[in-house]
């Protein structure tokens, strides 16, 4: 009976880091996606600003 509990605890301990790494990977991908989107947005905004400046001159 004791073996069952230690086995269960062992499985739980092994499953925990996997979820932690999965959460970290998802978080990192989300941050990378947001940074990419922000970079694309600022680039597009700069181009629009450049066109506006050229039109003004």
N, C-alpha and C. Protein backbone atom coordinates (compact mmCIF):
# COMPACT_ATOMS: atom_id res chain seq x y z
N UNK A 1 0.83 -1.20 0.00
CA UNK A 1 0.00 0.00 0.00
C UNK A 1 0.88 1.26 0.00
N UNK A 2 1.93 1.25 0.80
CA UNK A 2 2.83 2.39 0.86
C UNK A 2 3.51 2.62 -0.49
N UNK A 3 3.80 1.53 -1.18
CA UNK A 3 4.46 1.62 -2.49
C UNK A 3 3.58 2.37 -3.49
N UNK A 4 2.27 2.15 -3.38
CA UNK A 4 1.35 2.82 -4.29
C UNK A 4 1.43 4.35 -4.11
N UNK A 5 1.47 4.78 -2.86
CA UNK A 5 1.51 6.21 -2.59
C UNK A 5 2.83 6.84 -3.04
N UNK A 6 3.94 6.14 -2.80
CA UNK A 6 5.23 6.69 -3.23
C UNK A 6 5.29 6.72 -4.76
N UNK A 7 4.70 5.71 -5.40
CA UNK A 7 4.67 5.67 -6.86
C UNK A 7 3.83 6.81 -7.40
N UNK A 8 2.72 7.06 -6.73
CA UNK A 8 1.83 8.15 -7.14
C UNK A 8 2.53 9.49 -6.96
N UNK A 9 3.22 9.66 -5.82
CA UNK A 9 3.95 10.90 -5.56
C UNK A 9 5.06 11.08 -6.58
N UNK A 10 5.72 9.98 -6.92
CA UNK A 10 6.81 10.04 -7.89
C UNK A 10 6.26 10.48 -9.25
N UNK A 11 5.15 9.91 -9.66
CA UNK A 11 4.54 10.26 -10.95
C UNK A 11 4.12 11.73 -10.93
N UNK A 12 3.59 12.16 -9.79
CA UNK A 12 3.15 13.55 -9.68
C UNK A 12 4.36 14.50 -9.77
N UNK A 13 5.46 14.13 -9.13
CA UNK A 13 6.67 14.95 -9.18
C UNK A 13 7.25 14.99 -10.59
N UNK A 14 7.14 13.89 -11.29
CA UNK A 14 7.66 13.86 -12.66
C UNK A 14 6.76 14.66 -13.61
N UNK A 15 5.48 14.67 -13.34
CA UNK A 15 4.54 15.39 -14.21
C UNK A 15 4.62 16.90 -13.98
N UNK A 16 4.96 17.30 -12.78
CA UNK A 16 5.01 18.72 -12.45
C UNK A 16 6.02 19.52 -13.30
N UNK A 17 7.27 19.12 -13.37
CA UNK A 17 8.21 19.88 -14.18
C UNK A 17 7.80 19.95 -15.65
N UNK A 18 7.19 18.88 -16.17
CA UNK A 18 6.75 18.89 -17.56
C UNK A 18 5.74 20.00 -17.78
N UNK A 19 4.80 20.12 -16.88
CA UNK A 19 3.80 21.19 -17.00
C UNK A 19 4.46 22.55 -16.86
N UNK A 20 5.43 22.64 -15.96
CA UNK A 20 6.13 23.90 -15.74
C UNK A 20 6.87 24.32 -17.01
N UNK A 21 7.59 23.36 -17.62
CA UNK A 21 8.31 23.67 -18.85
C UNK A 21 7.35 24.00 -19.99
N UNK A 22 6.22 23.31 -20.03
CA UNK A 22 5.22 23.57 -21.06
C UNK A 22 4.67 24.99 -20.89
N UNK A 23 4.39 25.37 -19.65
CA UNK A 23 3.89 26.72 -19.38
C UNK A 23 4.93 27.76 -19.77
N UNK A 24 6.19 27.48 -19.45
CA UNK A 24 7.27 28.41 -19.81
C UNK A 24 7.41 28.54 -21.32
N UNK A 25 7.29 27.41 -22.01
CA UNK A 25 7.41 27.43 -23.47
C UNK A 25 6.27 28.24 -24.09
N UNK A 26 5.06 28.04 -23.58
CA UNK A 26 3.90 28.78 -24.09
C UNK A 26 4.07 30.27 -23.81
N UNK A 27 4.56 30.59 -22.61
CA UNK A 27 4.77 31.98 -22.24
C UNK A 27 5.83 32.63 -23.15
N UNK A 28 6.91 31.89 -23.38
CA UNK A 28 7.99 32.41 -24.24
C UNK A 28 7.48 32.63 -25.67
N UNK A 29 6.70 31.69 -26.18
CA UNK A 29 6.16 31.82 -27.54
C UNK A 29 5.20 33.00 -27.61
N UNK A 30 4.40 33.17 -26.57
CA UNK A 30 3.46 34.29 -26.54
C UNK A 30 4.20 35.62 -26.56
N UNK A 31 5.25 35.71 -25.75
CA UNK A 31 6.05 36.94 -25.70
C UNK A 31 6.70 37.20 -27.05
N UNK A 32 7.24 36.14 -27.65
CA UNK A 32 7.89 36.28 -28.96
C UNK A 32 6.87 36.76 -30.01
N UNK A 33 5.67 36.19 -29.96
CA UNK A 33 4.62 36.59 -30.90
C UNK A 33 4.23 38.05 -30.71
N UNK A 34 4.06 38.43 -29.45
CA UNK A 34 3.69 39.82 -29.16
C UNK A 34 4.79 40.79 -29.59
N UNK A 35 6.05 40.41 -29.36
CA UNK A 35 7.16 41.27 -29.76
C UNK A 35 7.21 41.39 -31.28
N UNK A 36 6.96 40.28 -31.97
CA UNK A 36 6.95 40.31 -33.43
C UNK A 36 5.82 41.18 -33.95
N UNK A 37 4.66 41.06 -33.32
CA UNK A 37 3.52 41.87 -33.74
C UNK A 37 3.78 43.34 -33.47
N UNK A 38 4.38 43.64 -32.33
CA UNK A 38 4.70 45.03 -31.99
C UNK A 38 5.72 45.60 -32.97
N UNK A 39 6.71 44.79 -33.30
CA UNK A 39 7.75 45.23 -34.24
C UNK A 39 7.14 45.50 -35.62
N UNK A 40 6.26 44.60 -36.07
CA UNK A 40 5.61 44.79 -37.36
C UNK A 40 4.73 46.04 -37.33
N UNK A 41 4.05 46.25 -36.20
CA UNK A 41 3.19 47.42 -36.06
C UNK A 41 3.98 48.71 -36.09
N UNK A 42 5.11 48.74 -35.36
CA UNK A 42 5.92 49.96 -35.34
C UNK A 42 6.55 50.21 -36.71
N UNK A 43 6.93 49.14 -37.40
CA UNK A 43 7.52 49.28 -38.74
C UNK A 43 6.48 49.88 -39.70
N UNK A 44 5.26 49.35 -39.65
CA UNK A 44 4.19 49.87 -40.51
C UNK A 44 3.89 51.33 -40.15
N UNK A 45 3.89 51.62 -38.87
CA UNK A 45 3.61 52.98 -38.42
C UNK A 45 4.70 53.94 -38.90
N UNK A 46 5.95 53.50 -38.84
CA UNK A 46 7.06 54.33 -39.31
C UNK A 46 6.95 54.59 -40.81
N UNK A 47 6.54 53.58 -41.55
CA UNK A 47 6.38 53.75 -43.00
C UNK A 47 5.29 54.78 -43.29
N UNK A 48 4.19 54.67 -42.55
CA UNK A 48 3.09 55.63 -42.73
C UNK A 48 3.59 57.04 -42.38
N UNK A 49 4.36 57.15 -41.31
CA UNK A 49 4.89 58.43 -40.89
C UNK A 49 5.82 59.00 -41.96
N UNK A 50 6.61 58.10 -42.56
CA UNK A 50 7.54 58.52 -43.61
C UNK A 50 6.76 59.05 -44.81
N UNK A 51 5.69 58.32 -45.19
CA UNK A 51 4.87 58.76 -46.32
C UNK A 51 4.24 60.11 -46.02
N UNK A 52 3.78 60.29 -44.78
CA UNK A 52 3.15 61.56 -44.38
C UNK A 52 4.17 62.68 -44.46
N UNK A 53 5.39 62.41 -44.02
CA UNK A 53 6.45 63.43 -44.06
C UNK A 53 6.78 63.79 -45.50
N UNK A 54 6.85 62.77 -46.38
CA UNK A 54 7.16 63.02 -47.78
C UNK A 54 6.04 63.83 -48.46
N UNK A 55 4.81 63.53 -48.08
CA UNK A 55 3.67 64.22 -48.68
C UNK A 55 3.64 65.68 -48.24
N UNK A 56 4.10 65.91 -47.03
CA UNK A 56 4.06 67.27 -46.47
C UNK A 56 5.09 68.17 -47.17
N UNK A 57 6.20 67.60 -47.55
CA UNK A 57 7.30 68.40 -48.13
C UNK A 57 6.97 68.87 -49.54
